[in-house]
Amino acid sequence: MFLRGLRRRTGRPVPELVALFRSIIDGGRDFHPIASDFLEHFMDGVGTSRTMSLRWLRSFKVIKKAERKNQRRFERQLTREAKSLHDGGSSWLHDYWDARISAFIGTELFYVSRMSLLRSQGSFVLTRDGPEVRVSGTVRHRWFDPYDWDRGRWVYIPRHGFVPIAVGRELVDADEARNFLMESRHVQTLEGRCVDGRRRGDANFVWSLARTGNG
């Protein structure tokens, strides 16, 4: 996460801060509609969690990179587990991995969530038949981040320049806005095989995205 900035106050009247964030919402709808929508939800003061569009979220390379990082971690575990199986034997593997995500400055994801986390929980079964071990299972991914304007000192917003993070904190303190949780979930299936006597790179794993209602 970003280093916690100094908790300086802006010294500006709350109505002025409200007007600033409302102008950011209106001015960003044509360029960053998702970011504007989430900032508006923050300003509406409801505080209910919001589910991200999976298609939109996975359109950013940093999200898929985090997903692939966790996939590789599982693949390494499964390869090691496969080597320990006796002929005709089977075993289960359950584990989870966390991948931290830093959005690139200037992307819309940056204005929605600068730092976030992808938690991947996997459950797999391995079965050996002679020199070959068959692998299958599922991984449940959960991306999440609190929308709280609570990290860093400022953020650059087009047409508004450098906006202090303290603005968001002051609006929450004044009950003019409320923090909320952003999250998205999706499931992937895995089919693969590991063969004795071959290099690690010859192990074959195929990941598929399961259909969900979170578009």
C-alpha atoms as a PDB file:
ATOM      1  CA  MET A   1       0.000   0.000   0.000  1.00  0.00           C
ATOM      2  CA  PHE A   2       1.045   3.628  -0.388  1.00  0.00           C
ATOM      3  CA  LEU A   3       2.837   5.154   2.552  1.00  0.00           C
ATOM      4  CA  ARG A   4       0.439   6.948   4.798  1.00  0.00           C
ATOM      5  CA  GLY A   5       0.769  10.657   4.128  1.00  0.00           C
ATOM      6  CA  LEU A   6       0.910  13.360   6.751  1.00  0.00           C
ATOM      7  CA  ARG A   7      -2.598  14.004   8.031  1.00  0.00           C
ATOM      8  CA  ARG A   8      -2.588  17.668   7.124  1.00  0.00           C
ATOM      9  CA  ARG A   9      -5.861  19.469   6.758  1.00  0.00           C
ATOM     10  CA  THR A  10      -6.626  21.623   3.770  1.00  0.00           C
ATOM     11  CA  GLY A  11      -7.908  24.567   5.805  1.00  0.00           C
ATOM     12  CA  ARG A  12     -10.674  25.071   3.239  1.00  0.00           C
ATOM     13  CA  PRO A  13     -14.420  25.183   4.003  1.00  0.00           C
ATOM     14  CA  VAL A  14     -16.247  21.888   3.592  1.00  0.00           C
ATOM     15  CA  PRO A  15     -18.716  23.270   0.972  1.00  0.00           C
ATOM     16  CA  GLU A  16     -15.712  24.247  -1.149  1.00  0.00           C
ATOM     17  CA  LEU A  17     -14.290  20.726  -0.879  1.00  0.00           C
ATOM     18  CA  VAL A  18     -17.658  19.247  -1.817  1.00  0.00           C
ATOM     19  CA  ALA A  19     -17.814  21.514  -4.865  1.00  0.00           C
ATOM     20  CA  LEU A  20     -14.294  20.449  -5.865  1.00  0.00           C
ATOM     21  CA  PHE A  21     -15.093  16.738  -5.849  1.00  0.00           C
ATOM     22  CA  ARG A  22     -18.427  17.295  -7.589  1.00  0.00           C
ATOM     23  CA  SER A  23     -16.636  19.209 -10.342  1.00  0.00           C
ATOM     24  CA  ILE A  24     -14.129  16.336 -10.680  1.00  0.00           C
ATOM     25  CA  ILE A  25     -17.052  13.936 -11.114  1.00  0.00           C
ATOM     26  CA  ASP A  26     -18.731  16.060 -13.773  1.00  0.00           C
ATOM     27  CA  GLY A  27     -15.497  16.843 -15.592  1.00  0.00           C
ATOM     28  CA  GLY A  28     -14.349  13.241 -15.742  1.00  0.00           C
ATOM     29  CA  ARG A  29     -17.447  11.506 -17.086  1.00  0.00           C
ATOM     30  CA  ASP A  30     -16.327  11.712 -20.715  1.00  0.00           C
ATOM     31  CA  PHE A  31     -12.776  10.517 -20.025  1.00  0.00           C
ATOM     32  CA  HIS A  32     -12.968   8.240 -16.973  1.00  0.00           C
ATOM     33  CA  PRO A  33     -16.632   7.254 -16.508  1.00  0.00           C
ATOM     34  CA  ILE A  34     -15.903   4.395 -14.092  1.00  0.00           C
ATOM     35  CA  ALA A  35     -13.696   6.569 -11.884  1.00  0.00           C
ATOM     36  CA  SER A  36     -16.359   9.292 -11.895  1.00  0.00           C
ATOM     37  CA  ASP A  37     -19.045   6.776 -10.977  1.00  0.00           C
ATOM     38  CA  PHE A  38     -17.048   5.492  -8.000  1.00  0.00           C
ATOM     39  CA  LEU A  39     -16.168   8.973  -6.787  1.00  0.00           C
ATOM     40  CA  GLU A  40     -19.867   9.841  -6.973  1.00  0.00           C
ATOM     41  CA  HIS A  41     -20.696   6.742  -4.918  1.00  0.00           C
ATOM     42  CA  PHE A  42     -18.146   7.936  -2.356  1.00  0.00           C
ATOM     43  CA  MET A  43     -19.785  11.368  -2.277  1.00  0.00           C
ATOM     44  CA  ASP A  44     -23.300   9.953  -2.009  1.00  0.00           C
ATOM     45  CA  GLY A  45     -22.303   8.736   1.454  1.00  0.00           C
ATOM     46  CA  VAL A  46     -24.055   5.370   1.295  1.00  0.00           C
ATOM     47  CA  GLY A  47     -20.985   3.255   2.045  1.00  0.00           C
ATOM     48  CA  THR A  48     -22.284   0.071   0.413  1.00  0.00           C
ATOM     49  CA  SER A  49     -19.732  -2.123  -1.327  1.00  0.00           C
ATOM     50  CA  ARG A  50     -19.459  -1.999  -5.101  1.00  0.00           C
ATOM     51  CA  THR A  51     -18.792  -4.918  -7.432  1.00  0.00           C
ATOM     52  CA  MET A  52     -16.411  -4.136 -10.263  1.00  0.00           C
ATOM     53  CA  SER A  53     -17.085  -5.216 -13.819  1.00  0.00           C
ATOM     54  CA  LEU A  54     -14.793  -8.195 -14.371  1.00  0.00           C
ATOM     55  CA  ARG A  55     -14.418  -7.391 -18.054  1.00  0.00           C
ATOM     56  CA  TRP A  56     -13.335  -3.834 -17.247  1.00  0.00           C
ATOM     57  CA  LEU A  57     -11.025  -4.900 -14.433  1.00  0.00           C
ATOM     58  CA  ARG A  58      -9.249  -7.589 -16.472  1.00  0.00           C
ATOM     59  CA  SER A  59      -8.751  -5.153 -19.352  1.00  0.00           C
ATOM     60  CA  PHE A  60      -5.758  -3.779 -17.396  1.00  0.00           C
ATOM     61  CA  LYS A  61      -2.457  -5.610 -17.803  1.00  0.00           C
ATOM     62  CA  VAL A  62      -1.534  -5.240 -14.135  1.00  0.00           C
ATOM     63  CA  ILE A  63      -4.617  -7.258 -13.136  1.00  0.00           C
ATOM     64  CA  LYS A  64      -3.857 -10.101 -15.529  1.00  0.00           C
ATOM     65  CA  LYS A  65      -0.207  -9.974 -14.487  1.00  0.00           C
ATOM     66  CA  ALA A  66      -1.226 -10.485 -10.839  1.00  0.00           C
ATOM     67  CA  GLU A  67      -3.550 -13.296 -11.872  1.00  0.00           C
ATOM     68  CA  ARG A  68      -0.757 -14.995 -13.824  1.00  0.00           C
ATOM     69  CA  LYS A  69       1.644 -14.569 -10.895  1.00  0.00           C
ATOM     70  CA  ASN A  70      -0.671 -16.549  -8.642  1.00  0.00           C
ATOM     71  CA  GLN A  71      -1.285 -19.147 -11.354  1.00  0.00           C
ATOM     72  CA  ARG A  72       2.453 -19.782 -11.641  1.00  0.00           C
ATOM     73  CA  ARG A  73       2.698 -20.177  -7.882  1.00  0.00           C
ATOM     74  CA  PHE A  74       0.061 -22.901  -7.982  1.00  0.00           C
ATOM     75  CA  GLU A  75       1.754 -24.557 -10.970  1.00  0.00           C
ATOM     76  CA  ARG A  76       5.056 -24.791  -9.096  1.00  0.00           C
ATOM     77  CA  GLN A  77       3.300 -26.299  -6.077  1.00  0.00           C
ATOM     78  CA  LEU A  78       1.470 -28.840  -8.219  1.00  0.00           C
ATOM     79  CA  THR A  79       4.665 -29.842 -10.019  1.00  0.00           C
ATOM     80  CA  ARG A  80       6.385 -30.533  -6.683  1.00  0.00           C
ATOM     81  CA  GLU A  81       3.361 -32.422  -5.343  1.00  0.00           C
ATOM     82  CA  ALA A  82       3.177 -34.567  -8.491  1.00  0.00           C
ATOM     83  CA  LYS A  83       6.749 -35.806  -7.983  1.00  0.00           C
ATOM     84  CA  SER A  84       5.900 -37.207  -4.538  1.00  0.00           C
ATOM     85  CA  LEU A  85       2.923 -39.325  -5.711  1.00  0.00           C
ATOM     86  CA  HIS A  86       3.230 -43.110  -5.939  1.00  0.00           C
ATOM     87  CA  ASP A  87       1.721 -45.042  -8.844  1.00  0.00           C
ATOM     88  CA  GLY A  88      -2.057 -45.250  -8.506  1.00  0.00           C
ATOM     89  CA  GLY A  89      -2.057 -42.659  -5.752  1.00  0.00           C
ATOM     90  CA  SER A  90      -3.919 -39.378  -5.524  1.00  0.00           C
ATOM     91  CA  SER A  91      -3.799 -36.298  -3.328  1.00  0.00           C
ATOM     92  CA  TRP A  92      -5.488 -32.937  -2.757  1.00  0.00           C
ATOM     93  CA  LEU A  93      -3.831 -29.567  -2.649  1.00  0.00           C
ATOM     94  CA  HIS A  94      -5.509 -26.536  -1.053  1.00  0.00           C
ATOM     95  CA  ASP A  95      -3.779 -23.178  -0.720  1.00  0.00           C
ATOM     96  CA  TYR A  96      -4.064 -19.482  -1.473  1.00  0.00           C
ATOM     97  CA  TRP A  97      -1.776 -16.753  -2.774  1.00  0.00           C
ATOM     98  CA  ASP A  98      -1.937 -12.956  -2.573  1.00  0.00           C
ATOM     99  CA  ALA A  99      -0.638 -10.658  -5.304  1.00  0.00           C
ATOM    100  CA  ARG A 100      -0.347  -6.924  -4.687  1.00  0.00           C
ATOM    101  CA  ILE A 101      -1.298  -4.636  -7.558  1.00  0.00           C
ATOM    102  CA  SER A 102      -0.013  -1.127  -8.321  1.00  0.00           C
ATOM    103  CA  ALA A 103      -1.999   0.621 -11.049  1.00  0.00           C
ATOM    104  CA  PHE A 104      -0.089   2.638 -13.624  1.00  0.00           C
ATOM    105  CA  ILE A 105      -0.376   6.409 -13.221  1.00  0.00           C
ATOM    106  CA  GLY A 106      -2.717   7.922 -15.788  1.00  0.00           C
ATOM    107  CA  THR A 107      -4.847   4.808 -16.334  1.00  0.00           C
ATOM    108  CA  GLU A 108      -8.454   4.829 -15.215  1.00  0.00           C
ATOM    109  CA  LEU A 109      -7.688   2.002 -12.804  1.00  0.00           C
ATOM    110  CA  PHE A 110      -5.236   4.358 -11.057  1.00  0.00           C
ATOM    111  CA  TYR A 111      -8.053   6.829 -10.372  1.00  0.00           C
ATOM    112  CA  VAL A 112     -10.273   4.050  -9.027  1.00  0.00           C
ATOM    113  CA  SER A 113      -7.709   1.997  -7.136  1.00  0.00           C
ATOM    114  CA  ARG A 114      -4.040   2.849  -6.942  1.00  0.00           C
ATOM    115  CA  MET A 115      -3.096  -0.139  -4.765  1.00  0.00           C
ATOM    116  CA  SER A 116      -5.150  -3.318  -4.448  1.00  0.00           C
ATOM    117  CA  LEU A 117      -4.921  -7.038  -3.754  1.00  0.00           C
ATOM    118  CA  LEU A 118      -5.804 -10.183  -5.675  1.00  0.00           C
ATOM    119  CA  ARG A 119      -6.354 -13.221  -3.438  1.00  0.00           C
ATOM    120  CA  SER A 120      -6.480 -16.560  -5.244  1.00  0.00           C
ATOM    121  CA  GLN A 121      -7.763 -19.639  -3.388  1.00  0.00           C
ATOM    122  CA  GLY A 122      -7.104 -22.941  -5.116  1.00  0.00           C
ATOM    123  CA  SER A 123      -8.316 -26.503  -4.676  1.00  0.00           C
ATOM    124  CA  PHE A 124      -6.800 -29.274  -6.825  1.00  0.00           C
ATOM    125  CA  VAL A 125      -6.733 -33.055  -7.131  1.00  0.00           C
ATOM    126  CA  LEU A 126      -3.732 -34.966  -8.496  1.00  0.00           C
ATOM    127  CA  THR A 127      -3.856 -38.584  -9.695  1.00  0.00           C
ATOM    128  CA  ARG A 128      -0.884 -40.656 -10.855  1.00  0.00           C
ATOM    129  CA  ASP A 129      -1.101 -43.307 -13.588  1.00  0.00           C
ATOM    130  CA  GLY A 130       2.366 -44.664 -14.248  1.00  0.00           C
ATOM    131  CA  PRO A 131       4.728 -41.852 -15.260  1.00  0.00           C
ATOM    132  CA  GLU A 132       1.880 -39.347 -15.744  1.00  0.00           C
ATOM    133  CA  VAL A 133       0.099 -37.284 -13.116  1.00  0.00           C
ATOM    134  CA  ARG A 134      -3.230 -35.721 -14.049  1.00  0.00           C
ATOM    135  CA  VAL A 135      -4.147 -32.435 -12.378  1.00  0.00           C
ATOM    136  CA  SER A 136      -7.515 -30.672 -12.177  1.00  0.00           C
ATOM    137  CA  GLY A 137      -9.039 -28.042  -9.960  1.00  0.00           C
ATOM    138  CA  THR A 138     -10.451 -24.573  -9.515  1.00  0.00           C
ATOM    139  CA  VAL A 139      -9.142 -21.236  -8.324  1.00  0.00           C
ATOM    140  CA  ARG A 140     -11.424 -18.590  -6.863  1.00  0.00           C
ATOM    141  CA  HIS A 141     -10.002 -15.130  -7.379  1.00  0.00           C
ATOM    142  CA  ARG A 142     -11.085 -12.170  -5.272  1.00  0.00           C
ATOM    143  CA  TRP A 143      -9.864  -8.684  -6.127  1.00  0.00           C
ATOM    144  CA  PHE A 144     -10.551  -6.054  -3.472  1.00  0.00           C
ATOM    145  CA  ASP A 145      -9.576  -2.616  -2.236  1.00  0.00           C
ATOM    146  CA  PRO A 146     -11.176  -0.112   0.176  1.00  0.00           C
ATOM    147  CA  TYR A 147     -12.102   3.179  -1.472  1.00  0.00           C
ATOM    148  CA  ASP A 148     -10.919   5.388   1.352  1.00  0.00           C
ATOM    149  CA  TRP A 149      -8.663   8.266   0.175  1.00  0.00           C
ATOM    150  CA  ASP A 150      -6.355   7.250   2.989  1.00  0.00           C
ATOM    151  CA  ARG A 151      -2.976   6.633   1.328  1.00  0.00           C
ATOM    152  CA  GLY A 152      -0.489   9.145  -0.020  1.00  0.00           C
ATOM    153  CA  ARG A 153      -0.404  12.939   0.085  1.00  0.00           C
ATOM    154  CA  TRP A 154      -1.966  13.998  -3.203  1.00  0.00           C
ATOM    155  CA  VAL A 155      -3.128  12.701  -6.572  1.00  0.00           C
ATOM    156  CA  TYR A 156      -2.896  14.406  -9.958  1.00  0.00           C
ATOM    157  CA  ILE A 157      -6.299  14.751 -11.614  1.00  0.00           C
ATOM    158  CA  PRO A 158      -6.533  16.099 -15.178  1.00  0.00           C
ATOM    159  CA  ARG A 159      -7.970  19.634 -15.362  1.00  0.00           C
ATOM    160  CA  HIS A 160      -7.735  19.956 -11.578  1.00  0.00           C
ATOM    161  CA  GLY A 161      -4.032  19.561 -10.951  1.00  0.00           C
ATOM    162  CA  PHE A 162      -2.678  18.083  -7.722  1.00  0.00           C
ATOM    163  CA  VAL A 163      -5.531  17.352  -5.316  1.00  0.00           C
ATOM    164  CA  PRO A 164      -4.605  16.643  -1.657  1.00  0.00           C
ATOM    165  CA  ILE A 165      -5.653  13.239  -0.344  1.00  0.00           C
ATOM    166  CA  ALA A 166      -6.735  15.140   2.785  1.00  0.00           C
ATOM    167  CA  VAL A 167      -9.793  16.396   0.869  1.00  0.00           C
ATOM    168  CA  GLY A 168     -11.328  12.916   0.893  1.00  0.00           C
ATOM    169  CA  ARG A 169     -10.545  12.392   4.574  1.00  0.00           C
ATOM    170  CA  GLU A 170     -12.048  15.727   5.535  1.00  0.00           C
ATOM    171  CA  LEU A 171     -15.236  14.988   3.617  1.00  0.00           C
ATOM    172  CA  VAL A 172     -15.595  11.687   5.475  1.00  0.00           C
ATOM    173  CA  ASP A 173     -14.979  13.430   8.803  1.00  0.00           C
ATOM    174  CA  ALA A 174     -17.636  16.003   7.904  1.00  0.00           C
ATOM    175  CA  ASP A 175     -20.106  13.226   6.992  1.00  0.00           C
ATOM    176  CA  GLU A 176     -20.224  14.468   3.410  1.00  0.00           C
ATOM    177  CA  ALA A 177     -18.816  11.195   2.021  1.00  0.00           C
ATOM    178  CA  ARG A 178     -18.298   7.613   3.117  1.00  0.00           C
ATOM    179  CA  ASN A 179     -15.641   4.983   2.434  1.00  0.00           C
ATOM    180  CA  PHE A 180     -16.699   1.704   0.835  1.00  0.00           C
ATOM    181  CA  LEU A 181     -15.282  -1.602  -0.376  1.00  0.00           C
ATOM    182  CA  MET A 182     -14.612  -2.363  -4.031  1.00  0.00           C
ATOM    183  CA  GLU A 183     -14.376  -6.008  -5.043  1.00  0.00           C
ATOM    184  CA  SER A 184     -14.683  -8.466  -7.889  1.00  0.00           C
ATOM    185  CA  ARG A 185     -14.726 -12.264  -7.974  1.00  0.00           C
ATOM    186  CA  HIS A 186     -14.138 -14.787 -10.704  1.00  0.00           C
ATOM    187  CA  VAL A 187     -13.360 -18.484 -10.997  1.00  0.00           C
ATOM    188  CA  GLN A 188     -10.862 -20.290 -13.190  1.00  0.00           C
ATOM    189  CA  THR A 189     -10.521 -24.009 -13.802  1.00  0.00           C
ATOM    190  CA  LEU A 190      -7.245 -25.845 -14.346  1.00  0.00           C
ATOM    191  CA  GLU A 191      -6.496 -29.015 -16.287  1.00  0.00           C
ATOM    192  CA  GLY A 192      -2.949 -30.275 -16.598  1.00  0.00           C
ATOM    193  CA  ARG A 193      -0.465 -33.091 -16.498  1.00  0.00           C
ATOM    194  CA  CYS A 194       3.064 -33.687 -15.288  1.00  0.00           C
ATOM    195  CA  VAL A 195       5.223 -36.458 -16.767  1.00  0.00           C
ATOM    196  CA  ASP A 196       8.214 -38.063 -15.025  1.00  0.00           C
ATOM    197  CA  GLY A 197      11.612 -37.793 -16.622  1.00  0.00           C
ATOM    198  CA  ARG A 198      10.854 -34.562 -18.396  1.00  0.00           C
ATOM    199  CA  ARG A 199      11.963 -31.041 -17.726  1.00  0.00           C
ATOM    200  CA  ARG A 200       9.774 -28.820 -15.586  1.00  0.00           C
ATOM    201  CA  GLY A 201       8.921 -26.714 -18.632  1.00  0.00           C
ATOM    202  CA  ASP A 202       7.273 -29.747 -20.269  1.00  0.00           C
ATOM    203  CA  ALA A 203       4.519 -29.848 -17.661  1.00  0.00           C
ATOM    204  CA  ASN A 204       1.321 -28.686 -19.297  1.00  0.00           C
ATOM    205  CA  PHE A 205      -1.317 -26.545 -17.574  1.00  0.00           C
ATOM    206  CA  VAL A 206      -4.432 -25.067 -19.206  1.00  0.00           C
ATOM    207  CA  TRP A 207      -6.410 -22.339 -17.409  1.00  0.00           C
ATOM    208  CA  SER A 208      -9.988 -21.468 -18.369  1.00  0.00           C
ATOM    209  CA  LEU A 209     -12.249 -18.692 -17.150  1.00  0.00           C
ATOM    210  CA  ALA A 210     -15.529 -19.958 -15.741  1.00  0.00           C
ATOM    211  CA  ARG A 211     -18.669 -17.998 -16.535  1.00  0.00           C
ATOM    212  CA  THR A 212     -19.950 -15.742 -13.757  1.00  0.00           C
ATOM    213  CA  GLY A 213     -22.626 -13.107 -13.385  1.00  0.00           C
ATOM    214  CA  ASN A 214     -19.979 -10.452 -12.719  1.00  0.00           C
ATOM    215  CA  GLY A 215     -19.513  -8.958 -16.177  1.00  0.00           C
END
